[in-house]
Amino acid sequence: MNSLIFFCNFCFLPEICTNVSRDVCFVLFIAMASGTALIYDDEMTSYKLLWDDPVCDIEVPERLLASYEQLKHYHLVERCVHVPIREATEEEIMLVHSSEYLEVVKSTQTMNEEELRRVSGNYDAVYFHPNTYRCAKLAVGATLQLIDSVMSGKVLNGMALVSVLYYSWHRYEHQKFWPLLRESDYDAVGQGEGKGFNINVPWNKVGMGNSDYLAAFFHVLLPVAFEFAPELILVSSGYDSGIGDPEGQMNATPECFAHLTHFLMQLANGRLCAVLEGGYHLKSLSESVCMTVKTLLGDPLPLISGNMAPCLSAIESIQNVRAAHKPYWKCLMYEEATPLQDLSTKSQQMMEAELIQTSTHPVAEQAVGTANSDEVIKTDRFLESHMKKILFPVPPVKTAAAIVSKADAHLLPILVQVEMEMNAQQLKTLISGVDAELVTEEKALLSLQNMVAVLDKILKKEVCNGIAESPVASVSTTVALKHCIGFGLQRVLCIVVGDMDLELDLDDGKILLINICQKRRSEKTNSKYHISLHWKEDGEKNNFSSAVLGFILPVAYSYQPDLLIIVFGPNRSIGINGVSLLTSLLQGLAKSQSLVVIQDTEIKLVQSVAKALTAVSTPDFGAYAPASQENVLEIKRLRDQLQQEWKMLQCSVKDWISGT
């Protein structure tokens, strides 16, 4: 079984996982076939630090309590499937730990405070409490219960002779941040047959924001993960990347975790296990946990905040990781950039005072960060205001369909609501100015009526997204875009797959048109708001992930649309697997408000799109195929041409310099 283990935290976890971590209590949540499981038990909060220690005093049971209370506040707990907790057995624990270490931890159950303090001093950033052993066994057992649940009841016992793909981003600062390990850098790619399966993205400065994390996903994690094709995703959810956290000192806002979770849910047929790890600002932690659980439950995602342009230091790390892993992954085989030695943050740090070079945390820095109550209050106030801005009521209907043939309606997922037409006067107003000859046929007129009825419900927040059949997709698309602008939307992303010509005014930036086509249109020059992507599909496998991850998603997130329209027209250049992939990954945009227009209806195509929109389960994206050199060069050509306008395209320092 292929597993992708993803750590979004700021410490080098292989070192931590050889000990009982300071954080021995977990809240666990996982997307299951029939819902989202939540594992929590009050007993996992029955520990605390019994003495003063500035290294460990951020590990408090209130982290779990605050997260659980916020889940209840948003009424998320009652929407989850509750899985009973159990203790791990000693045999299970000794799959990782030695019997000697296990005996040490067991012995702490009867120790007094002085004895606990003395034993804790033998380890790095660890404290013991008389309940540590019990809490640790519950935490391990809960994790195993979770994995058993998601893997349809398969037991833990057994052996699988496989590789595990490990991915971690973490605060590194040129080996100046705890745990000060050389193995945390980008060029620690694994050993022997495991080379290429250990991916480190080291952040060499604090203050990384939403765009930096998205860029690392688009240009490193997701391309490799889709090629790896895991059967299970294990996420060590380290929310110390969240804004206000004294440990990580980064600036990711809670909705960023919703978007990252959404992307991971497209892998492994949606089998994703998340285990709470870091996160030491209670408000930031609890809101971020709630964003993660809402996404696992299938709720539409909030718009992501911040300037969509990764910083230079993030780009440097991304370039180095891509260069280091080029020999091991087909998705990177045409990578031109080489590793950088002269990093922008290195000379600056050399001028600063050296941090404490011991095997412990940089105590002074962390103590100041932890004790700064003014900063905590400031972040609390920001998050109170920020969450009110980004949260919104979930529409009562997830997906609506405008289907001309009522005979096809029963073939759609049961959650799809079939809509009927708007009145004739409304339609007459909308189709004025389009080719009247194309809409004289009754079928074309009916399809337009049905489509606009669905679009109206999306715009009025009565429906999240929708599907519309159309015999004349070009007319339907023009009408839909006109209707959106008339409604007052400021940014509409329209992605057209197939050979279609749309006569649109794109100069004001209210519409961004991306046309994915088979034929290269040399007479048309790409501009900021009108982009043609020439793509040749692999005959049997899905090679389209390179285009979606390397170009379409970065441009789309740079644009930040209010609504998304995807059109599958005649002579489309991607198959059903590519259609599913494109539709699914784009649902993180525009609060998941999207309309898919389909010409030349195939029921399998409609079903695939409906499955992607309802998100009841992850569609089948087909077997992975690397993009051809021709396709890679097409992406590079467009990136070189447009990265100054759409900065999320940047994945090398050369790109960053030319884009500034």
Foldseek 3Di string as FASTA:
>chain_A
DEEEEEEEEAADVVVQVQACALQLAKWKWWQALQFIETEDDPLLQPDAQPDDDLLNRLSHSVLVVLQVVLCVVVVNVVRHHYDYWDFADPVVVCVRYPPVNLVVLQVQLPDDNVVQVVVQVVDANHGHDNCSNVSNRRQVRRLQSLLCRRVVNDHPDDDDPDAYQYEYEHEQQPLQFPQSDPCQAQLVQDDDVSGNRHGHQYQNDAAFELLLVLLCVLQPVVVQQQQSQGQAYEYADALCLDDLRLRRNYHYALLSLLLVLLSVCLGNQRGYMYIYDHDRLNVRSSSNSSSNSCSSRPFFGWFGDDQNFGDQSSLLSLLANLQSNCVPDLQSVPPDGHHDDDGPSPVVVVPDDRADPDSYGSSVSSSVSVPPVVSSVVVNVVNVVVCVVGDDDQAPAQEEEADLDPVLVVVAPPSYHYFFFDDPVVVVVLLPPPDPVVQPDPSQVRQLRRQVRRLVCLLVNNYLEYEGEHQDQQSSVSSSLVVCVVSPWQAEEEEEFEDDDHDDDPVSRNYAYEYEYQDDDVVDDDDLRYHYFHDAADPAFGQCSSCVSLPVVLQCSNSQGLEYEYEYDPRGRGDLLNLLVNLQSCCNGNSSYYYYYYHPDDSSSVRSNSCSSSPSINHHNGNYDHGDPVNVVSSVVVLQVCCLPRVSNRNHSVSVVSND
